[in-house]
C-alpha atoms as a PDB file:
ATOM      1  CA  UNK A   1     -21.287  -5.073   5.848  1.00  0.00           C
ATOM      2  CA  UNK A   2     -22.185  -1.240   5.352  1.00  0.00           C
ATOM      3  CA  UNK A   3     -20.997  -0.297   9.065  1.00  0.00           C
ATOM      4  CA  UNK A   4     -17.487  -2.026   8.180  1.00  0.00           C
ATOM      5  CA  UNK A   5     -17.627  -0.775   4.606  1.00  0.00           C
ATOM      6  CA  UNK A   6     -17.937   2.737   6.255  1.00  0.00           C
ATOM      7  CA  UNK A   7     -15.094   2.772   8.492  1.00  0.00           C
ATOM      8  CA  UNK A   8     -12.780   1.835   5.695  1.00  0.00           C
ATOM      9  CA  UNK A   9     -13.798   4.328   4.045  1.00  0.00           C
ATOM     10  CA  UNK A  10     -13.187   7.162   6.430  1.00  0.00           C
ATOM     11  CA  UNK A  11     -10.109   5.733   7.499  1.00  0.00           C
ATOM     12  CA  UNK A  12      -9.019   5.983   3.522  1.00  0.00           C
ATOM     13  CA  UNK A  13      -9.682   9.174   3.667  1.00  0.00           C
ATOM     14  CA  UNK A  14      -7.520   9.804   6.971  1.00  0.00           C
ATOM     15  CA  UNK A  15      -4.839   8.418   5.050  1.00  0.00           C
ATOM     16  CA  UNK A  16      -5.752  10.480   1.824  1.00  0.00           C
ATOM     17  CA  UNK A  17      -4.858  13.554   3.743  1.00  0.00           C
ATOM     18  CA  UNK A  18      -2.026  11.983   5.993  1.00  0.00           C
ATOM     19  CA  UNK A  19       1.652  13.133   4.996  1.00  0.00           C
ATOM     20  CA  UNK A  20       3.281  10.443   7.752  1.00  0.00           C
ATOM     21  CA  UNK A  21       4.132   7.020   5.618  1.00  0.00           C
ATOM     22  CA  UNK A  22       4.794   4.826   8.211  1.00  0.00           C
ATOM     23  CA  UNK A  23       0.914   5.924   9.579  1.00  0.00           C
ATOM     24  CA  UNK A  24      -0.900   4.302   6.991  1.00  0.00           C
ATOM     25  CA  UNK A  25      -0.520   0.828   7.524  1.00  0.00           C
ATOM     26  CA  UNK A  26      -1.510   0.874  11.294  1.00  0.00           C
ATOM     27  CA  UNK A  27      -5.018   2.492  10.177  1.00  0.00           C
ATOM     28  CA  UNK A  28      -5.777   0.184   7.902  1.00  0.00           C
ATOM     29  CA  UNK A  29      -4.581  -3.081   9.646  1.00  0.00           C
ATOM     30  CA  UNK A  30      -5.825  -2.455  12.562  1.00  0.00           C
ATOM     31  CA  UNK A  31      -9.514  -1.859  10.706  1.00  0.00           C
ATOM     32  CA  UNK A  32      -8.875  -5.321   8.575  1.00  0.00           C
ATOM     33  CA  UNK A  33      -7.982  -7.283  11.187  1.00  0.00           C
ATOM     34  CA  UNK A  34     -11.322  -5.758  13.256  1.00  0.00           C
ATOM     35  CA  UNK A  35     -13.642  -6.278  10.372  1.00  0.00           C
ATOM     36  CA  UNK A  36     -12.303  -9.722   9.209  1.00  0.00           C
ATOM     37  CA  UNK A  37     -12.224 -11.662  13.157  1.00  0.00           C
ATOM     38  CA  UNK A  38      -8.265 -12.108  12.356  1.00  0.00           C
ATOM     39  CA  UNK A  39      -5.493 -12.171  14.923  1.00  0.00           C
ATOM     40  CA  UNK A  40      -2.606 -11.133  13.051  1.00  0.00           C
ATOM     41  CA  UNK A  41      -1.648  -9.264   9.474  1.00  0.00           C
ATOM     42  CA  UNK A  42       0.954 -10.014   6.950  1.00  0.00           C
ATOM     43  CA  UNK A  43       1.568  -6.780   4.428  1.00  0.00           C
ATOM     44  CA  UNK A  44       2.566  -7.710   1.347  1.00  0.00           C
ATOM     45  CA  UNK A  45       4.198  -4.387  -0.004  1.00  0.00           C
ATOM     46  CA  UNK A  46       7.610  -5.166  -1.778  1.00  0.00           C
ATOM     47  CA  UNK A  47       8.609  -8.177  -4.230  1.00  0.00           C
ATOM     48  CA  UNK A  48       9.301 -11.631  -2.597  1.00  0.00           C
ATOM     49  CA  UNK A  49      11.562 -14.337  -2.814  1.00  0.00           C
ATOM     50  CA  UNK A  50      11.504 -17.951  -1.510  1.00  0.00           C
ATOM     51  CA  UNK A  51      14.581 -16.507   0.132  1.00  0.00           C
ATOM     52  CA  UNK A  52      14.843 -12.931   0.310  1.00  0.00           C
ATOM     53  CA  UNK A  53      11.832  -9.730   0.644  1.00  0.00           C
ATOM     54  CA  UNK A  54      10.813  -8.688   4.350  1.00  0.00           C
ATOM     55  CA  UNK A  55       8.109 -10.226   6.084  1.00  0.00           C
ATOM     56  CA  UNK A  56       5.989  -7.453   7.919  1.00  0.00           C
ATOM     57  CA  UNK A  57       3.734  -8.762  10.602  1.00  0.00           C
ATOM     58  CA  UNK A  58       0.910  -6.779  12.387  1.00  0.00           C
ATOM     59  CA  UNK A  59      -1.048  -7.994  15.643  1.00  0.00           C
ATOM     60  CA  UNK A  60      -2.356  -6.690  18.306  1.00  0.00           C
ATOM     61  CA  UNK A  61      -1.830  -9.564  20.603  1.00  0.00           C
ATOM     62  CA  UNK A  62       1.108 -11.299  21.272  1.00  0.00           C
ATOM     63  CA  UNK A  63       2.459 -14.535  19.356  1.00  0.00           C
ATOM     64  CA  UNK A  64       3.094 -17.672  20.760  1.00  0.00           C
ATOM     65  CA  UNK A  65       5.866 -19.317  21.015  1.00  0.00           C
ATOM     66  CA  UNK A  66       7.579 -20.392  17.494  1.00  0.00           C
ATOM     67  CA  UNK A  67       8.252 -24.158  17.498  1.00  0.00           C
ATOM     68  CA  UNK A  68       9.279 -23.800  13.473  1.00  0.00           C
ATOM     69  CA  UNK A  69      12.511 -22.455  12.138  1.00  0.00           C
ATOM     70  CA  UNK A  70      11.688 -18.380  11.307  1.00  0.00           C
ATOM     71  CA  UNK A  71      13.478 -18.494   8.681  1.00  0.00           C
ATOM     72  CA  UNK A  72      11.584 -21.379   7.952  1.00  0.00           C
ATOM     73  CA  UNK A  73       8.257 -19.625   8.071  1.00  0.00           C
ATOM     74  CA  UNK A  74       8.699 -16.639   6.957  1.00  0.00           C
ATOM     75  CA  UNK A  75       9.863 -18.153   3.261  1.00  0.00           C
ATOM     76  CA  UNK A  76       6.450 -20.516   3.193  1.00  0.00           C
ATOM     77  CA  UNK A  77       5.448 -17.158   3.707  1.00  0.00           C
ATOM     78  CA  UNK A  78       7.397 -15.392   1.511  1.00  0.00           C
ATOM     79  CA  UNK A  79       6.140 -18.641  -1.046  1.00  0.00           C
ATOM     80  CA  UNK A  80       2.971 -17.303  -1.262  1.00  0.00           C
ATOM     81  CA  UNK A  81       1.599 -20.660  -1.839  1.00  0.00           C
ATOM     82  CA  UNK A  82      -1.746 -20.695  -2.569  1.00  0.00           C
ATOM     83  CA  UNK A  83      -2.108 -17.236  -3.533  1.00  0.00           C
ATOM     84  CA  UNK A  84       0.452 -16.661  -5.792  1.00  0.00           C
ATOM     85  CA  UNK A  85      -0.614 -19.761  -8.238  1.00  0.00           C
ATOM     86  CA  UNK A  86      -4.014 -18.253  -7.787  1.00  0.00           C
ATOM     87  CA  UNK A  87      -3.064 -14.047  -8.297  1.00  0.00           C
ATOM     88  CA  UNK A  88       0.705 -14.134 -10.236  1.00  0.00           C
ATOM     89  CA  UNK A  89      -1.007 -15.909 -12.845  1.00  0.00           C
ATOM     90  CA  UNK A  90      -4.984 -14.887 -13.530  1.00  0.00           C
ATOM     91  CA  UNK A  91      -6.539 -11.700 -13.604  1.00  0.00           C
ATOM     92  CA  UNK A  92      -9.270 -12.604 -11.213  1.00  0.00           C
ATOM     93  CA  UNK A  93      -8.660 -10.989  -8.247  1.00  0.00           C
ATOM     94  CA  UNK A  94     -11.371 -12.152  -5.719  1.00  0.00           C
ATOM     95  CA  UNK A  95     -10.088 -12.385  -1.957  1.00  0.00           C
ATOM     96  CA  UNK A  96     -10.785 -15.526  -0.577  1.00  0.00           C
ATOM     97  CA  UNK A  97      -9.203 -18.179   2.230  1.00  0.00           C
ATOM     98  CA  UNK A  98      -6.295 -20.888   1.534  1.00  0.00           C
ATOM     99  CA  UNK A  99      -8.537 -23.230   1.746  1.00  0.00           C
ATOM    100  CA  UNK A 100     -11.034 -22.348  -0.994  1.00  0.00           C
ATOM    101  CA  UNK A 101      -8.020 -21.431  -3.393  1.00  0.00           C
ATOM    102  CA  UNK A 102      -6.867 -25.284  -3.100  1.00  0.00           C
ATOM    103  CA  UNK A 103      -9.648 -27.075  -1.096  1.00  0.00           C
ATOM    104  CA  UNK A 104      -9.723 -27.923   2.631  1.00  0.00           C
ATOM    105  CA  UNK A 105      -8.380 -31.074   2.764  1.00  0.00           C
ATOM    106  CA  UNK A 106      -5.583 -29.710   0.996  1.00  0.00           C
ATOM    107  CA  UNK A 107      -4.686 -26.793   2.699  1.00  0.00           C
ATOM    108  CA  UNK A 108      -4.859 -28.583   6.084  1.00  0.00           C
ATOM    109  CA  UNK A 109      -2.387 -30.740   4.891  1.00  0.00           C
ATOM    110  CA  UNK A 110      -0.270 -29.048   3.235  1.00  0.00           C
ATOM    111  CA  UNK A 111       3.428 -27.816   5.056  1.00  0.00           C
ATOM    112  CA  UNK A 112       2.517 -23.911   4.589  1.00  0.00           C
ATOM    113  CA  UNK A 113      -0.811 -24.533   7.284  1.00  0.00           C
ATOM    114  CA  UNK A 114       1.787 -26.582   9.326  1.00  0.00           C
ATOM    115  CA  UNK A 115       3.980 -24.422   9.824  1.00  0.00           C
ATOM    116  CA  UNK A 116       2.201 -20.877   9.937  1.00  0.00           C
ATOM    117  CA  UNK A 117       0.272 -23.278  13.039  1.00  0.00           C
ATOM    118  CA  UNK A 118       3.034 -23.952  14.590  1.00  0.00           C
ATOM    119  CA  UNK A 119       4.494 -20.580  14.478  1.00  0.00           C
ATOM    120  CA  UNK A 120       1.687 -18.181  15.212  1.00  0.00           C
ATOM    121  CA  UNK A 121      -1.803 -20.545  16.173  1.00  0.00           C
ATOM    122  CA  UNK A 122      -3.732 -20.340  13.488  1.00  0.00           C
ATOM    123  CA  UNK A 123      -5.041 -22.224  11.347  1.00  0.00           C
ATOM    124  CA  UNK A 124      -6.813 -20.345   8.253  1.00  0.00           C
ATOM    125  CA  UNK A 125      -5.613 -17.429   6.299  1.00  0.00           C
ATOM    126  CA  UNK A 126      -6.896 -14.595   3.702  1.00  0.00           C
ATOM    127  CA  UNK A 127      -6.177 -13.411   0.867  1.00  0.00           C
ATOM    128  CA  UNK A 128      -6.848 -10.251  -0.034  1.00  0.00           C
ATOM    129  CA  UNK A 129      -4.836  -9.200  -2.912  1.00  0.00           C
ATOM    130  CA  UNK A 130      -4.359  -5.933  -4.467  1.00  0.00           C
ATOM    131  CA  UNK A 131      -5.229  -5.781  -7.941  1.00  0.00           C
ATOM    132  CA  UNK A 132      -1.827  -4.518 -10.457  1.00  0.00           C
ATOM    133  CA  UNK A 133       0.116  -4.965 -13.697  1.00  0.00           C
ATOM    134  CA  UNK A 134       3.349  -6.405 -12.849  1.00  0.00           C
ATOM    135  CA  UNK A 135       4.855  -9.981 -12.376  1.00  0.00           C
ATOM    136  CA  UNK A 136       4.702  -9.809  -8.279  1.00  0.00           C
ATOM    137  CA  UNK A 137       1.731  -9.804  -6.598  1.00  0.00           C
ATOM    138  CA  UNK A 138       1.082  -7.162  -3.331  1.00  0.00           C
ATOM    139  CA  UNK A 139      -1.646  -7.238  -0.540  1.00  0.00           C
ATOM    140  CA  UNK A 140      -2.780  -8.498   2.735  1.00  0.00           C
ATOM    141  CA  UNK A 141      -2.534 -11.930   4.218  1.00  0.00           C
ATOM    142  CA  UNK A 142      -5.138 -12.319   7.335  1.00  0.00           C
ATOM    143  CA  UNK A 143      -4.548 -14.955   9.480  1.00  0.00           C
ATOM    144  CA  UNK A 144      -7.275 -16.491  11.693  1.00  0.00           C
ATOM    145  CA  UNK A 145      -7.368 -20.025  13.927  1.00  0.00           C
ATOM    146  CA  UNK A 146     -11.550 -20.387  14.224  1.00  0.00           C
ATOM    147  CA  UNK A 147     -13.867 -21.262  11.427  1.00  0.00           C
ATOM    148  CA  UNK A 148     -12.638 -20.655   8.089  1.00  0.00           C
ATOM    149  CA  UNK A 149     -13.859 -16.967   6.360  1.00  0.00           C
ATOM    150  CA  UNK A 150     -16.769 -16.849   4.607  1.00  0.00           C
ATOM    151  CA  UNK A 151     -18.454 -15.596   1.512  1.00  0.00           C
ATOM    152  CA  UNK A 152     -19.087 -12.619   3.499  1.00  0.00           C
ATOM    153  CA  UNK A 153     -15.893 -11.544   4.385  1.00  0.00           C
ATOM    154  CA  UNK A 154     -14.769 -12.238   0.938  1.00  0.00           C
ATOM    155  CA  UNK A 155     -17.982  -9.550  -0.231  1.00  0.00           C
ATOM    156  CA  UNK A 156     -16.622  -6.603   2.582  1.00  0.00           C
ATOM    157  CA  UNK A 157     -13.013  -7.455   1.066  1.00  0.00           C
ATOM    158  CA  UNK A 158     -14.148  -7.115  -3.065  1.00  0.00           C
ATOM    159  CA  UNK A 159     -15.396  -3.390  -1.283  1.00  0.00           C
ATOM    160  CA  UNK A 160     -12.706  -2.539   0.104  1.00  0.00           C
ATOM    161  CA  UNK A 161     -10.074  -3.295  -2.250  1.00  0.00           C
ATOM    162  CA  UNK A 162     -10.160  -0.917  -3.889  1.00  0.00           C
ATOM    163  CA  UNK A 163      -9.591   1.752  -1.097  1.00  0.00           C
ATOM    164  CA  UNK A 164      -6.940  -0.421  -0.555  1.00  0.00           C
ATOM    165  CA  UNK A 165      -4.746   0.117  -3.591  1.00  0.00           C
ATOM    166  CA  UNK A 166      -5.750   3.275  -3.631  1.00  0.00           C
ATOM    167  CA  UNK A 167      -4.031   3.253   0.372  1.00  0.00           C
ATOM    168  CA  UNK A 168      -0.887   1.809  -0.992  1.00  0.00           C
ATOM    169  CA  UNK A 169      -0.413   3.943  -3.731  1.00  0.00           C
ATOM    170  CA  UNK A 170      -0.274   7.243  -1.796  1.00  0.00           C
ATOM    171  CA  UNK A 171       1.861   5.670   1.392  1.00  0.00           C
ATOM    172  CA  UNK A 172       4.455   4.391  -2.301  1.00  0.00           C
ATOM    173  CA  UNK A 173       4.206   8.392  -3.013  1.00  0.00           C
ATOM    174  CA  UNK A 174       4.021   9.149   0.643  1.00  0.00           C
ATOM    175  CA  UNK A 175       7.331   7.276   0.386  1.00  0.00           C
ATOM    176  CA  UNK A 176       9.115   8.966  -2.548  1.00  0.00           C
ATOM    177  CA  UNK A 177       8.651  12.063  -0.924  1.00  0.00           C
ATOM    178  CA  UNK A 178       9.862  11.702   2.050  1.00  0.00           C
ATOM    179  CA  UNK A 179      13.356  10.215   0.467  1.00  0.00           C
ATOM    180  CA  UNK A 180      13.299  13.045  -2.943  1.00  0.00           C
ATOM    181  CA  UNK A 181      12.593  16.243   0.167  1.00  0.00           C
ATOM    182  CA  UNK A 182      15.280  14.309   2.295  1.00  0.00           C
ATOM    183  CA  UNK A 183      18.095  15.146  -0.155  1.00  0.00           C
ATOM    184  CA  UNK A 184      20.252  18.155   0.716  1.00  0.00           C
ATOM    185  CA  UNK A 185      20.120  19.131  -3.408  1.00  0.00           C
ATOM    186  CA  UNK A 186      16.217  19.086  -3.243  1.00  0.00           C
ATOM    187  CA  UNK A 187      15.433  20.609   0.455  1.00  0.00           C
ATOM    188  CA  UNK A 188      18.166  23.450  -0.315  1.00  0.00           C
ATOM    189  CA  UNK A 189      16.427  23.519  -3.558  1.00  0.00           C
ATOM    190  CA  UNK A 190      13.390  24.665  -2.328  1.00  0.00           C
ATOM    191  CA  UNK A 191      14.678  26.664   0.339  1.00  0.00           C
ATOM    192  CA  UNK A 192      16.488  28.411  -2.663  1.00  0.00           C
ATOM    193  CA  UNK A 193      12.886  29.255  -4.284  1.00  0.00           C
ATOM    194  CA  UNK A 194      11.445  33.266  -3.053  1.00  0.00           C
ATOM    195  CA  UNK A 195       8.876  31.542  -1.697  1.00  0.00           C
ATOM    196  CA  UNK A 196       9.430  28.020  -0.623  1.00  0.00           C
ATOM    197  CA  UNK A 197       7.028  24.647  -1.720  1.00  0.00           C
ATOM    198  CA  UNK A 198       4.943  23.494   1.482  1.00  0.00           C
ATOM    199  CA  UNK A 199       4.474  20.169   2.411  1.00  0.00           C
ATOM    200  CA  UNK A 200       1.317  20.260   0.062  1.00  0.00           C
ATOM    201  CA  UNK A 201       2.149  21.877  -2.646  1.00  0.00           C
ATOM    202  CA  UNK A 202       5.452  19.411  -2.970  1.00  0.00           C
ATOM    203  CA  UNK A 203       2.911  16.271  -3.320  1.00  0.00           C
ATOM    204  CA  UNK A 204       0.204  18.236  -5.527  1.00  0.00           C
ATOM    205  CA  UNK A 205       4.089  18.937  -7.571  1.00  0.00           C
ATOM    206  CA  UNK A 206       4.851  15.313  -7.672  1.00  0.00           C
ATOM    207  CA  UNK A 207       1.822  14.382  -8.798  1.00  0.00           C
ATOM    208  CA  UNK A 208       1.191  16.673 -11.044  1.00  0.00           C
ATOM    209  CA  UNK A 209       3.756  15.584 -12.957  1.00  0.00           C
ATOM    210  CA  UNK A 210       2.389  12.084 -12.831  1.00  0.00           C
ATOM    211  CA  UNK A 211       0.215  13.252 -15.465  1.00  0.00           C
ATOM    212  CA  UNK A 212      -2.744  13.648 -12.835  1.00  0.00           C
ATOM    213  CA  UNK A 213      -5.756  15.681 -13.328  1.00  0.00           C
ATOM    214  CA  UNK A 214      -6.398  17.875 -10.756  1.00  0.00           C
ATOM    215  CA  UNK A 215      -9.671  15.656 -10.033  1.00  0.00           C
ATOM    216  CA  UNK A 216      -6.813  12.589  -9.682  1.00  0.00           C
ATOM    217  CA  UNK A 217      -4.523  15.118  -7.718  1.00  0.00           C
ATOM    218  CA  UNK A 218      -7.702  15.540  -5.231  1.00  0.00           C
ATOM    219  CA  UNK A 219      -8.723  11.573  -5.347  1.00  0.00           C
ATOM    220  CA  UNK A 220      -5.387  10.621  -4.067  1.00  0.00           C
ATOM    221  CA  UNK A 221      -4.331  13.475  -1.503  1.00  0.00           C
ATOM    222  CA  UNK A 222      -8.530  13.352  -0.344  1.00  0.00           C
ATOM    223  CA  UNK A 223      -9.231  17.005  -1.133  1.00  0.00           C
ATOM    224  CA  UNK A 224     -11.261  18.627  -3.544  1.00  0.00           C
ATOM    225  CA  UNK A 225     -10.269  20.150  -7.112  1.00  0.00           C
ATOM    226  CA  UNK A 226     -10.808  22.859  -5.973  1.00  0.00           C
ATOM    227  CA  UNK A 227      -8.713  22.656  -2.885  1.00  0.00           C
ATOM    228  CA  UNK A 228      -5.902  21.376  -6.211  1.00  0.00           C
ATOM    229  CA  UNK A 229      -5.843  24.452  -7.729  1.00  0.00           C
ATOM    230  CA  UNK A 230      -5.639  26.897  -4.762  1.00  0.00           C
ATOM    231  CA  UNK A 231      -2.701  25.184  -4.469  1.00  0.00           C
ATOM    232  CA  UNK A 232      -1.791  24.661  -8.082  1.00  0.00           C
ATOM    233  CA  UNK A 233      -2.888  28.202  -8.529  1.00  0.00           C
ATOM    234  CA  UNK A 234       0.800  28.743  -5.580  1.00  0.00           C
ATOM    235  CA  UNK A 235       2.730  26.426  -7.225  1.00  0.00           C
ATOM    236  CA  UNK A 236       2.742  28.519 -10.169  1.00  0.00           C
ATOM    237  CA  UNK A 237       3.741  31.344  -8.803  1.00  0.00           C
ATOM    238  CA  UNK A 238       6.544  30.470  -6.918  1.00  0.00           C
ATOM    239  CA  UNK A 239       8.003  28.690  -9.639  1.00  0.00           C
ATOM    240  CA  UNK A 240       7.043  31.605 -11.974  1.00  0.00           C
ATOM    241  CA  UNK A 241       5.816  29.747 -14.356  1.00  0.00           C
ATOM    242  CA  UNK A 242       2.416  29.356 -16.595  1.00  0.00           C
ATOM    243  CA  UNK A 243       1.289  26.633 -17.193  1.00  0.00           C
ATOM    244  CA  UNK A 244       1.475  22.610 -15.790  1.00  0.00           C
ATOM    245  CA  UNK A 245       4.127  21.616 -18.252  1.00  0.00           C
ATOM    246  CA  UNK A 246       6.252  24.580 -17.585  1.00  0.00           C
ATOM    247  CA  UNK A 247       6.001  23.894 -13.530  1.00  0.00           C
ATOM    248  CA  UNK A 248       7.211  20.901 -13.863  1.00  0.00           C
ATOM    249  CA  UNK A 249       9.981  21.507 -16.486  1.00  0.00           C
ATOM    250  CA  UNK A 250      11.171  24.282 -13.955  1.00  0.00           C
ATOM    251  CA  UNK A 251      10.901  22.334 -10.809  1.00  0.00           C
ATOM    252  CA  UNK A 252      12.868  19.496 -12.180  1.00  0.00           C
ATOM    253  CA  UNK A 253      15.561  22.719 -13.782  1.00  0.00           C
ATOM    254  CA  UNK A 254      15.738  23.961  -9.855  1.00  0.00           C
ATOM    255  CA  UNK A 255      16.281  19.974  -8.880  1.00  0.00           C
ATOM    256  CA  UNK A 256      13.287  20.409  -7.156  1.00  0.00           C
ATOM    257  CA  UNK A 257      12.159  17.015  -9.635  1.00  0.00           C
ATOM    258  CA  UNK A 258      13.415  14.465 -10.885  1.00  0.00           C
ATOM    259  CA  UNK A 259      14.683  14.987 -14.662  1.00  0.00           C
ATOM    260  CA  UNK A 260      12.986  13.438 -17.349  1.00  0.00           C
ATOM    261  CA  UNK A 261      16.431  10.227 -16.996  1.00  0.00           C
ATOM    262  CA  UNK A 262      16.605   9.984 -13.226  1.00  0.00           C
ATOM    263  CA  UNK A 263      13.884   7.810 -11.780  1.00  0.00           C
ATOM    264  CA  UNK A 264      11.571   9.243  -9.502  1.00  0.00           C
ATOM    265  CA  UNK A 265      11.337   6.377  -6.606  1.00  0.00           C
ATOM    266  CA  UNK A 266       8.227   7.417  -6.504  1.00  0.00           C
ATOM    267  CA  UNK A 267       7.386   2.938  -7.912  1.00  0.00           C
ATOM    268  CA  UNK A 268       9.984   1.722  -6.210  1.00  0.00           C
ATOM    269  CA  UNK A 269       8.835  -0.003  -3.135  1.00  0.00           C
ATOM    270  CA  UNK A 270       5.296  -0.603  -4.483  1.00  0.00           C
ATOM    271  CA  UNK A 271       5.183  -2.481  -6.926  1.00  0.00           C
ATOM    272  CA  UNK A 272       5.434  -5.980  -5.165  1.00  0.00           C
END
């Protein structure tokens, strides 16, 4: 387990240093599939209902031809059985297999298990939720065909949960930053500065606006507090600010940050 955890820790650090949100899940889901001996993984990042919500499936293999309707299979996945009944109403976020949640026989005879087996050829599903507040549950569903997931798999998943939660929060921030910096107004506002902010300084600025300390910003970005302070000094200089509050206010006035009444979008796709 130590080697598997070390690999995930290395990847999480790599994720925290990236500025491309699309690179996050390929790195982490590939390692999860290897560590848990999975054949495919469903990423649940945004809220689903049984009728709506895109289902993101990652797998290194070619899926078998499905014998069931694709919409029906997606509806079974979005229903979240049996995990939504456990994680959606409980404070117990322990990663577990579907068979362990409801019992092997109940799971094996369920319509969801039958639909997933016909669609993907898998028989066992492992829920790895990401602890959070709110009505929606986010995380991963790992599938495999031979042998249920073990207690050893559960212990590994518990250890990597905090890493995956931080990675998902970082990806949400990156997605919001891309949307923000991609707008004409904010891009023009940045170029209007005597010395435009670098992408890393923009990351620090957005995190600064959430109230994080230098240590917290460093953890989110995978850099040291000393490096964070260097970026902060550069931010203050470019914005003509003396401290974090004036930096945030000047950035809002300049159009580099949303104003107090304008939603930032940082949590728009991370509340699943």
